[in-house]
Amino acid sequence: MSGRRPAPILYVLNSASTGGANRSLSVLLRGLDRRRFRPLAVAPSSGSFQQTLERLEVPCSLLPCASLARLRASPLGKIKAAARNAFNLARLVELAEGHGVRLIHTNTVFPLGGALAARLVPLPHVWHLREGLDTPQYDLRFGPRASRALLGGLSDQLICISDYVRRVSVPDSAQNRATVIPNALEGMPPPRQRTLASPPVVGCVGLLGAKKRTDLFVEAAAALARRIPGVGFVVAGRPTAGEEEVLERCQRRAAALGVAESIRWAGHVSDPGTVYQELDLLVHPGVHEAFGRVLIEAMSWGIPVVGVRSGAVAEIVEDGITGRVVDPDDAEALAAAAAAILAAPAEHARMSQAARVRVQERYAPAAHVAAVEAVYHGLLG
């Protein structure tokens, strides 16, 4: 594309909130070669991520798009929704044509409008898959099998944030058009000499809920406290929407197990670095993780991780090198793996250093941006 004006790329967002998908997108937009590509965005409603887009000089239009999320409505409500989606799709096509868009990039699995608009114009379409369709919590309108077929049939290329996502979300017919490009970390914290605290502090960071298995962390904490007297725990994060009762339930269970005084419930923390600074180990019992941003965040701070063999966790945490990986739903196994690391300062120090190196080598922004740009170049020539 040398000598030409930058190719406009339209990014279709599922929301304008500052969630994991949009945080990952901001890494791409920040590093995108503006001599070759001119980004634009469309979001269904206003939100905090609009401020990020403004700072990155990315124009954002507000336009609800059809979604793969299940529509629970009366027959009349479904008719109204279909009419609204058709109207907004026409507006999206008009927006793409008016800006001379060369490629549409849908940022999560849910928005359907970008894929449909790309076929109508027509334009190349990239679908960025950040979700595993085998996850029970994802309630897709067409069911997992039909949704996979739609993802494959309406995409020229699929970007998967992990090999796990590629395996469970991409149909066999589209595997040759799927590329695994892991999310990148926005920036590395400064290096510092980590000394294993005595007693150590173990953390669980992220949303609280069934998928994240916060209840299992409490069980593992009690088992670890029996192995290492005085060990402290920090749980940082807010409950998943619809699971607000999980916090109280976990606190009651902690009291019943006798570790209530050992666990600090930090709630939502705007700067996770303030939590990572005090941790010696991260225990992540969550299942069906499409990626697991908190894993690379903790590792960037030099914190070894104990996770489970589910989702993409084992792709990030190298068993025996940057932490340990155990079977899911096994609190005793989590506690035993954590105790083994915390009881060996030299092993902990080796894993701490390896964790930082792993993040620098595999999750650097420049590598992420270059891989996505290679997909664009392949489609645009």
Protein backbone atom coordinates (compact mmCIF):
# COMPACT_ATOMS: atom_id res chain seq x y z
CA MET A 1 0.00 0.00 0.00
CA SER A 2 3.05 2.25 -0.36
CA GLY A 3 2.25 5.65 -1.84
CA ARG A 4 -1.47 5.37 -1.12
CA ARG A 5 -3.59 7.08 1.47
CA PRO A 6 -4.15 5.10 4.69
CA ALA A 7 -6.81 2.41 4.34
CA PRO A 8 -9.81 3.11 6.61
CA ILE A 9 -10.49 0.20 9.00
CA LEU A 10 -13.86 0.12 10.78
CA TYR A 11 -13.85 -1.50 14.23
CA VAL A 12 -17.24 -2.76 15.42
CA LEU A 13 -17.40 -2.85 19.22
CA ASN A 14 -19.78 -4.79 21.44
CA SER A 15 -19.80 -1.95 23.99
CA ALA A 16 -18.04 1.31 24.81
CA SER A 17 -17.11 0.22 28.33
CA THR A 18 -13.48 -0.23 29.31
CA GLY A 19 -13.53 -4.01 29.52
CA GLY A 20 -10.93 -6.57 28.55
CA ALA A 21 -11.82 -6.67 24.85
CA ASN A 22 -11.59 -2.91 24.45
CA ARG A 23 -8.44 -2.67 26.54
CA SER A 24 -6.84 -5.17 24.17
CA LEU A 25 -8.12 -3.22 21.18
CA SER A 26 -6.55 -0.05 22.57
CA VAL A 27 -3.14 -1.74 22.42
CA LEU A 28 -3.69 -2.40 18.72
CA LEU A 29 -4.98 1.10 17.99
CA ARG A 30 -2.08 2.70 19.86
CA GLY A 31 0.50 0.84 17.79
CA LEU A 32 -1.28 0.72 14.43
CA ASP A 33 0.75 2.14 11.55
CA ARG A 34 -1.26 5.26 10.72
CA ARG A 35 0.66 5.70 7.46
CA ARG A 36 -1.10 2.57 6.20
CA PHE A 37 -4.30 2.32 8.25
CA ARG A 38 -6.85 4.87 9.46
CA PRO A 39 -9.01 3.45 12.27
CA LEU A 40 -12.66 4.31 12.88
CA ALA A 41 -15.00 2.75 15.43
CA VAL A 42 -18.68 2.13 15.95
CA ALA A 43 -20.20 1.26 19.35
CA PRO A 44 -23.80 0.51 20.39
CA SER A 45 -23.89 3.21 23.11
CA SER A 46 -21.71 5.69 24.94
CA GLY A 47 -19.20 4.62 27.58
CA SER A 48 -15.85 5.25 29.20
CA PHE A 49 -13.89 3.72 26.32
CA GLN A 50 -14.90 6.67 24.15
CA GLN A 51 -12.40 8.78 26.07
CA THR A 52 -9.65 6.33 25.16
CA LEU A 53 -10.69 6.48 21.51
CA GLU A 54 -10.59 10.26 21.61
CA ARG A 55 -7.06 10.24 23.04
CA LEU A 56 -6.03 7.85 20.28
CA GLU A 57 -7.72 10.10 17.67
CA VAL A 58 -10.12 7.37 16.57
CA PRO A 59 -13.55 8.72 15.54
CA CYS A 60 -16.39 6.74 17.11
CA SER A 61 -20.01 6.62 15.92
CA LEU A 62 -22.82 5.35 18.13
CA LEU A 63 -24.94 2.77 16.35
CA PRO A 64 -26.50 -0.37 17.86
CA CYS A 65 -25.78 -3.44 15.74
CA ALA A 66 -27.44 -6.84 15.58
CA SER A 67 -25.98 -9.21 18.16
CA LEU A 68 -25.47 -12.93 18.62
CA ALA A 69 -26.67 -12.54 22.21
CA ARG A 70 -29.99 -14.24 22.89
CA LEU A 71 -33.04 -12.03 22.51
CA ARG A 72 -35.55 -12.65 25.28
CA ALA A 73 -38.65 -10.78 24.18
CA SER A 74 -42.26 -11.24 23.18
CA PRO A 75 -43.07 -11.98 19.51
CA LEU A 76 -43.86 -8.28 19.01
CA GLY A 77 -40.59 -7.34 20.71
CA LYS A 78 -38.69 -9.62 18.37
CA ILE A 79 -40.35 -8.06 15.34
CA LYS A 80 -39.45 -4.59 16.58
CA ALA A 81 -35.87 -5.70 17.23
CA ALA A 82 -35.60 -7.19 13.74
CA ALA A 83 -36.85 -3.94 12.20
CA ARG A 84 -34.45 -1.90 14.32
CA ASN A 85 -31.54 -4.16 13.36
CA ALA A 86 -32.39 -3.85 9.66
CA PHE A 87 -32.50 -0.06 9.95
CA ASN A 88 -29.21 0.10 11.84
CA LEU A 89 -27.57 -2.29 9.39
CA ALA A 90 -28.49 0.06 6.55
CA ARG A 91 -26.95 2.93 8.53
CA LEU A 92 -23.81 0.90 9.16
CA VAL A 93 -23.45 0.16 5.44
CA GLU A 94 -23.91 3.86 4.72
CA LEU A 95 -21.26 4.71 7.33
CA ALA A 96 -18.77 2.26 5.83
CA GLU A 97 -19.34 3.49 2.30
CA GLY A 98 -19.26 7.14 3.32
CA HIS A 99 -15.82 6.77 4.92
CA GLY A 100 -14.45 4.62 2.13
CA VAL A 101 -13.83 1.77 4.57
CA ARG A 102 -11.56 -0.94 3.16
CA LEU A 103 -11.98 -3.57 5.88
CA ILE A 104 -14.32 -4.24 8.84
CA HIS A 105 -12.89 -5.68 12.06
CA THR A 106 -15.46 -7.01 14.58
CA ASN A 107 -13.88 -6.88 18.03
CA THR A 108 -15.74 -9.66 19.90
CA VAL A 109 -17.87 -12.66 19.04
CA PHE A 110 -21.20 -10.94 19.74
CA PRO A 111 -21.76 -8.09 17.22
CA LEU A 112 -23.30 -9.49 14.04
CA GLY A 113 -23.87 -6.18 12.21
CA GLY A 114 -20.26 -5.70 11.13
CA ALA A 115 -20.14 -9.10 9.42
CA LEU A 116 -23.44 -8.48 7.63
CA ALA A 117 -22.40 -5.00 6.52
CA ALA A 118 -19.11 -6.36 5.18
CA ARG A 119 -21.00 -8.84 3.01
CA LEU A 120 -23.42 -6.20 1.73
CA VAL A 121 -20.85 -3.57 0.69
CA PRO A 122 -18.85 -5.94 0.08
CA LEU A 123 -15.64 -5.70 2.13
CA PRO A 124 -13.16 -8.08 3.76
CA HIS A 125 -14.22 -8.97 7.28
CA VAL A 126 -12.04 -9.94 10.25
CA TRP A 127 -13.74 -11.43 13.29
CA HIS A 128 -11.72 -11.13 16.50
CA LEU A 129 -12.78 -14.05 18.68
CA ARG A 130 -12.19 -13.37 22.36
CA GLU A 131 -14.64 -15.95 23.73
CA GLY A 132 -14.75 -19.73 23.89
CA LEU A 133 -18.10 -20.97 22.62
CA ASP A 134 -17.99 -24.01 24.89
CA THR A 135 -18.40 -21.71 27.90
CA PRO A 136 -21.76 -22.34 29.59
CA GLN A 137 -22.13 -18.65 30.52
CA TYR A 138 -22.27 -17.52 26.87
CA ASP A 139 -25.91 -17.51 25.86
CA LEU A 140 -25.82 -17.27 22.06
CA ARG A 141 -28.98 -16.76 20.07
CA PHE A 142 -28.29 -19.50 17.54
CA GLY A 143 -26.58 -22.05 19.77
CA PRO A 144 -22.85 -22.89 19.69
CA ARG A 145 -22.87 -25.04 16.53
CA ALA A 146 -24.82 -22.58 14.38
CA SER A 147 -22.86 -19.67 15.85
CA ARG A 148 -19.55 -21.30 14.86
CA ALA A 149 -20.90 -21.77 11.35
CA LEU A 150 -21.89 -18.08 11.22
CA LEU A 151 -18.47 -16.98 12.45
CA GLY A 152 -16.76 -19.01 9.77
CA GLY A 153 -19.18 -18.21 6.96
CA LEU A 154 -19.17 -14.46 7.54
CA SER A 155 -15.41 -13.98 7.98
CA ASP A 156 -12.48 -13.76 5.62
CA GLN A 157 -10.10 -14.14 8.56
CA LEU A 158 -10.63 -15.04 12.22
CA ILE A 159 -8.25 -13.83 14.91
CA CYS A 160 -8.32 -16.02 18.03
CA ILE A 161 -6.79 -14.79 21.28
CA SER A 162 -5.72 -18.34 22.24
CA ASP A 163 -5.44 -21.77 20.72
CA TYR A 164 -8.24 -22.81 23.06
CA VAL A 165 -10.55 -20.27 21.42
CA ARG A 166 -9.51 -21.49 17.98
CA ARG A 167 -10.36 -25.09 18.90
CA VAL A 168 -13.78 -24.44 20.44
CA SER A 169 -15.05 -21.40 18.49
CA VAL A 170 -13.92 -21.92 14.88
CA PRO A 171 -15.69 -24.49 12.68
CA ASP A 172 -13.57 -27.07 10.87
CA SER A 173 -14.38 -25.42 7.56
CA ALA A 174 -12.69 -22.17 8.66
CA GLN A 175 -9.65 -23.49 10.54
CA ASN A 176 -7.38 -22.57 7.62
CA ARG A 177 -8.54 -18.94 7.97
CA ALA A 178 -7.98 -18.75 11.73
CA THR A 179 -4.89 -17.13 13.24
CA VAL A 180 -3.94 -17.26 16.93
CA ILE A 181 -2.76 -13.84 18.11
CA PRO A 182 -2.56 -13.57 21.91
CA ASN A 183 -3.61 -10.38 23.66
CA ALA A 184 -0.82 -7.99 24.57
CA LEU A 185 -0.06 -6.27 27.85
CA GLU A 186 -0.26 -2.48 27.75
CA GLY A 187 3.07 -2.02 29.50
CA MET A 188 5.56 -3.77 31.76
CA PRO A 189 6.01 -2.54 35.34
CA PRO A 190 9.59 -1.61 36.22
CA PRO A 191 11.81 -4.52 37.28
CA ARG A 192 12.39 -4.91 40.98
CA GLN A 193 13.99 -7.41 43.28
CA ARG A 194 11.28 -9.63 44.71
CA THR A 195 11.91 -11.15 48.12
CA LEU A 196 9.51 -13.83 49.26
CA ALA A 197 7.64 -12.42 52.24
CA SER A 198 7.41 -14.24 55.54
CA PRO A 199 4.62 -15.03 55.94
CA PRO A 200 3.75 -14.91 52.22
CA VAL A 201 0.71 -13.26 50.63
CA VAL A 202 -1.40 -15.10 48.03
CA GLY A 203 -3.91 -13.37 45.78
CA CYS A 204 -6.92 -14.00 43.58
CA VAL A 205 -7.58 -11.15 41.13
CA GLY A 206 -10.49 -10.65 38.75
CA LEU A 207 -14.25 -10.88 38.65
CA LEU A 208 -15.90 -12.93 41.38
CA GLY A 209 -18.29 -15.62 40.25
CA ALA A 210 -18.97 -19.21 39.19
CA LYS A 211 -16.69 -19.16 36.15
CA LYS A 212 -13.85 -17.59 38.15
CA ARG A 213 -14.38 -20.17 40.95
CA THR A 214 -13.89 -17.71 43.78
CA ASP A 215 -15.48 -20.27 46.07
CA LEU A 216 -12.73 -22.74 45.20
CA PHE A 217 -10.08 -20.15 46.05
CA VAL A 218 -11.56 -19.89 49.55
CA GLU A 219 -11.36 -23.67 49.93
CA ALA A 220 -7.76 -23.64 48.66
CA ALA A 221 -6.91 -20.78 51.03
CA ALA A 222 -8.06 -22.84 54.00
CA ALA A 223 -6.03 -25.83 52.81
CA LEU A 224 -2.95 -23.64 52.28
CA ALA A 225 -3.33 -22.03 55.72
CA ARG A 226 -3.03 -25.49 57.24
CA ARG A 227 0.27 -25.95 55.41
CA ILE A 228 1.78 -22.48 55.93
CA PRO A 229 0.78 -20.84 59.24
CA GLY A 230 0.23 -17.09 59.00
CA VAL A 231 -0.14 -16.96 55.23
CA GLY A 232 -2.27 -14.00 54.10
CA PHE A 233 -4.73 -13.70 51.23
CA VAL A 234 -6.08 -10.88 49.07
CA VAL A 235 -9.16 -11.18 46.86
CA ALA A 236 -9.49 -8.24 44.46
CA GLY A 237 -12.43 -7.74 42.11
CA ARG A 238 -16.14 -7.16 41.96
CA PRO A 239 -18.84 -9.81 41.46
CA THR A 240 -19.85 -10.76 37.93
CA ALA A 241 -23.15 -9.15 36.88
CA GLY A 242 -26.00 -11.30 38.17
CA GLU A 243 -23.82 -13.00 40.77
CA GLU A 244 -23.74 -10.26 43.38
CA GLU A 245 -24.45 -12.74 46.19
CA VAL A 246 -21.18 -14.61 45.55
CA LEU A 247 -19.15 -12.26 47.76
CA GLU A 248 -21.30 -12.79 50.84
CA ARG A 249 -21.44 -16.53 50.22
CA CYS A 250 -17.64 -16.77 49.96
CA GLN A 251 -17.18 -14.67 53.08
CA ARG A 252 -19.51 -16.95 55.03
CA ARG A 253 -17.59 -19.99 53.80
CA ALA A 254 -14.27 -18.38 54.80
CA ALA A 255 -15.63 -17.84 58.30
CA ALA A 256 -16.81 -21.45 58.50
CA LEU A 257 -13.34 -22.65 57.45
CA GLY A 258 -11.60 -20.41 59.98
CA VAL A 259 -9.74 -18.18 57.49
CA ALA A 260 -11.97 -15.10 57.57
CA GLU A 261 -9.33 -13.06 59.41
CA SER A 262 -6.65 -14.09 56.89
CA ILE A 263 -8.48 -12.87 53.76
CA ARG A 264 -8.66 -9.20 52.77
CA TRP A 265 -11.52 -8.53 50.37
CA ALA A 266 -10.20 -5.56 48.39
CA GLY A 267 -13.20 -5.16 46.06
CA HIS A 268 -12.77 -3.44 42.71
CA VAL A 269 -9.30 -1.90 42.39
CA SER A 270 -8.82 0.76 39.72
CA ASP A 271 -5.05 0.20 39.71
CA PRO A 272 -4.33 -3.55 39.99
CA GLY A 273 -0.64 -2.75 40.42
CA THR A 274 -1.33 -1.74 44.01
CA VAL A 275 -2.45 -5.34 44.65
CA TYR A 276 0.26 -7.08 42.62
CA GLN A 277 2.95 -5.22 44.57
CA GLU A 278 2.02 -7.06 47.76
CA LEU A 279 1.53 -10.55 46.30
CA ASP A 280 4.01 -13.42 46.34
CA LEU A 281 1.80 -15.78 44.37
CA LEU A 282 -1.38 -15.65 42.28
CA VAL A 283 -3.84 -18.54 42.49
CA HIS A 284 -6.25 -18.57 39.57
CA PRO A 285 -8.87 -21.35 39.83
CA GLY A 286 -11.08 -19.99 36.99
CA VAL A 287 -12.26 -22.30 34.20
CA HIS A 288 -13.09 -21.76 30.52
CA GLU A 289 -10.76 -18.77 30.35
CA ALA A 290 -10.51 -17.59 26.75
CA PHE A 291 -7.26 -15.87 27.71
CA GLY A 292 -6.82 -14.63 31.27
CA ARG A 293 -5.48 -11.09 31.35
CA VAL A 294 -4.79 -11.20 35.09
CA LEU A 295 -2.32 -14.04 34.46
CA ILE A 296 -0.01 -11.96 32.29
CA GLU A 297 -0.53 -8.91 34.52
CA ALA A 298 0.66 -10.86 37.56
CA MET A 299 3.52 -12.47 35.64
CA SER A 300 4.68 -9.04 34.44
CA TRP A 301 5.16 -8.17 38.12
CA GLY A 302 7.26 -11.28 38.58
CA ILE A 303 4.52 -13.21 40.37
CA PRO A 304 4.37 -16.99 39.76
CA VAL A 305 0.89 -18.34 39.03
CA VAL A 306 -0.94 -21.48 40.08
CA GLY A 307 -3.76 -22.16 37.62
CA VAL A 308 -5.89 -25.03 36.31
CA ARG A 309 -5.99 -27.11 33.13
CA SER A 310 -8.99 -25.40 31.59
CA GLY A 311 -9.36 -22.90 28.78
CA ALA A 312 -6.19 -21.06 27.81
CA VAL A 313 -4.51 -21.05 31.23
CA ALA A 314 -1.98 -23.76 30.36
CA GLU A 315 -1.01 -21.80 27.22
CA ILE A 316 0.06 -18.88 29.41
CA VAL A 317 1.36 -20.53 32.57
CA GLU A 318 4.24 -22.91 31.80
CA ASP A 319 3.98 -25.70 34.34
CA GLY A 320 7.14 -25.85 36.42
CA ILE A 321 8.63 -22.75 34.78
CA THR A 322 6.40 -19.74 35.47
CA GLY A 323 4.13 -21.48 37.96
CA ARG A 324 2.12 -24.66 38.27
CA VAL A 325 -0.97 -26.00 36.51
CA VAL A 326 -3.25 -28.51 38.26
CA ASP A 327 -6.55 -30.22 37.57
CA PRO A 328 -9.64 -27.99 37.90
CA ASP A 329 -12.05 -28.14 40.85
CA ASP A 330 -9.35 -29.48 43.20
CA ALA A 331 -8.72 -27.14 46.14
CA GLU A 332 -6.18 -29.48 47.72
CA ALA A 333 -4.16 -29.61 44.49
CA LEU A 334 -4.15 -25.81 44.27
CA ALA A 335 -2.98 -25.55 47.87
CA ALA A 336 -0.28 -28.21 47.45
CA ALA A 337 1.13 -26.52 44.34
CA ALA A 338 1.09 -23.11 46.04
CA ALA A 339 2.76 -24.48 49.16
CA ALA A 340 5.52 -26.14 47.14
CA ILE A 341 6.42 -22.82 45.49
CA LEU A 342 6.18 -20.75 48.66
CA ALA A 343 8.28 -23.22 50.66
CA ALA A 344 11.21 -22.94 48.22
CA PRO A 345 12.57 -19.36 47.96
CA ALA A 346 15.06 -20.24 45.22
CA GLU A 347 12.34 -21.90 43.14
CA HIS A 348 10.05 -18.94 43.70
CA ALA A 349 12.79 -16.54 42.57
CA ARG A 350 13.45 -18.59 39.42
CA MET A 351 9.75 -18.68 38.52
CA SER A 352 9.43 -14.96 39.23
CA GLN A 353 12.15 -14.11 36.73
CA ALA A 354 10.85 -16.58 34.15
CA ALA A 355 7.35 -15.09 34.43
CA ARG A 356 8.56 -11.61 33.46
CA VAL A 357 10.62 -12.98 30.58
CA ARG A 358 7.61 -14.95 29.32
CA VAL A 359 5.44 -11.81 29.19
CA GLN A 360 8.15 -9.74 27.49
CA GLU A 361 8.73 -12.40 24.83
CA ARG A 362 5.17 -13.47 24.07
CA TYR A 363 2.81 -10.64 25.01
CA ALA A 364 4.61 -7.52 23.83
CA PRO A 365 2.43 -4.87 22.11
CA ALA A 366 4.73 -4.57 19.07
CA ALA A 367 4.43 -8.28 18.26
CA HIS A 368 0.66 -8.17 18.67
CA VAL A 369 0.27 -5.16 16.38
CA ALA A 370 2.58 -6.63 13.74
CA ALA A 371 0.61 -9.89 13.70
CA VAL A 372 -2.75 -8.11 13.24
CA GLU A 373 -1.31 -5.82 10.56
CA ALA A 374 -0.07 -8.92 8.72
CA VAL A 375 -3.69 -10.14 8.60
CA TYR A 376 -4.77 -6.79 7.16
CA HIS A 377 -2.01 -6.84 4.55
CA GLY A 378 -2.99 -10.35 3.54
CA LEU A 379 -6.58 -9.23 2.87
CA LEU A 380 -5.87 -5.82 1.35
CA GLY A 381 -2.77 -6.70 -0.68
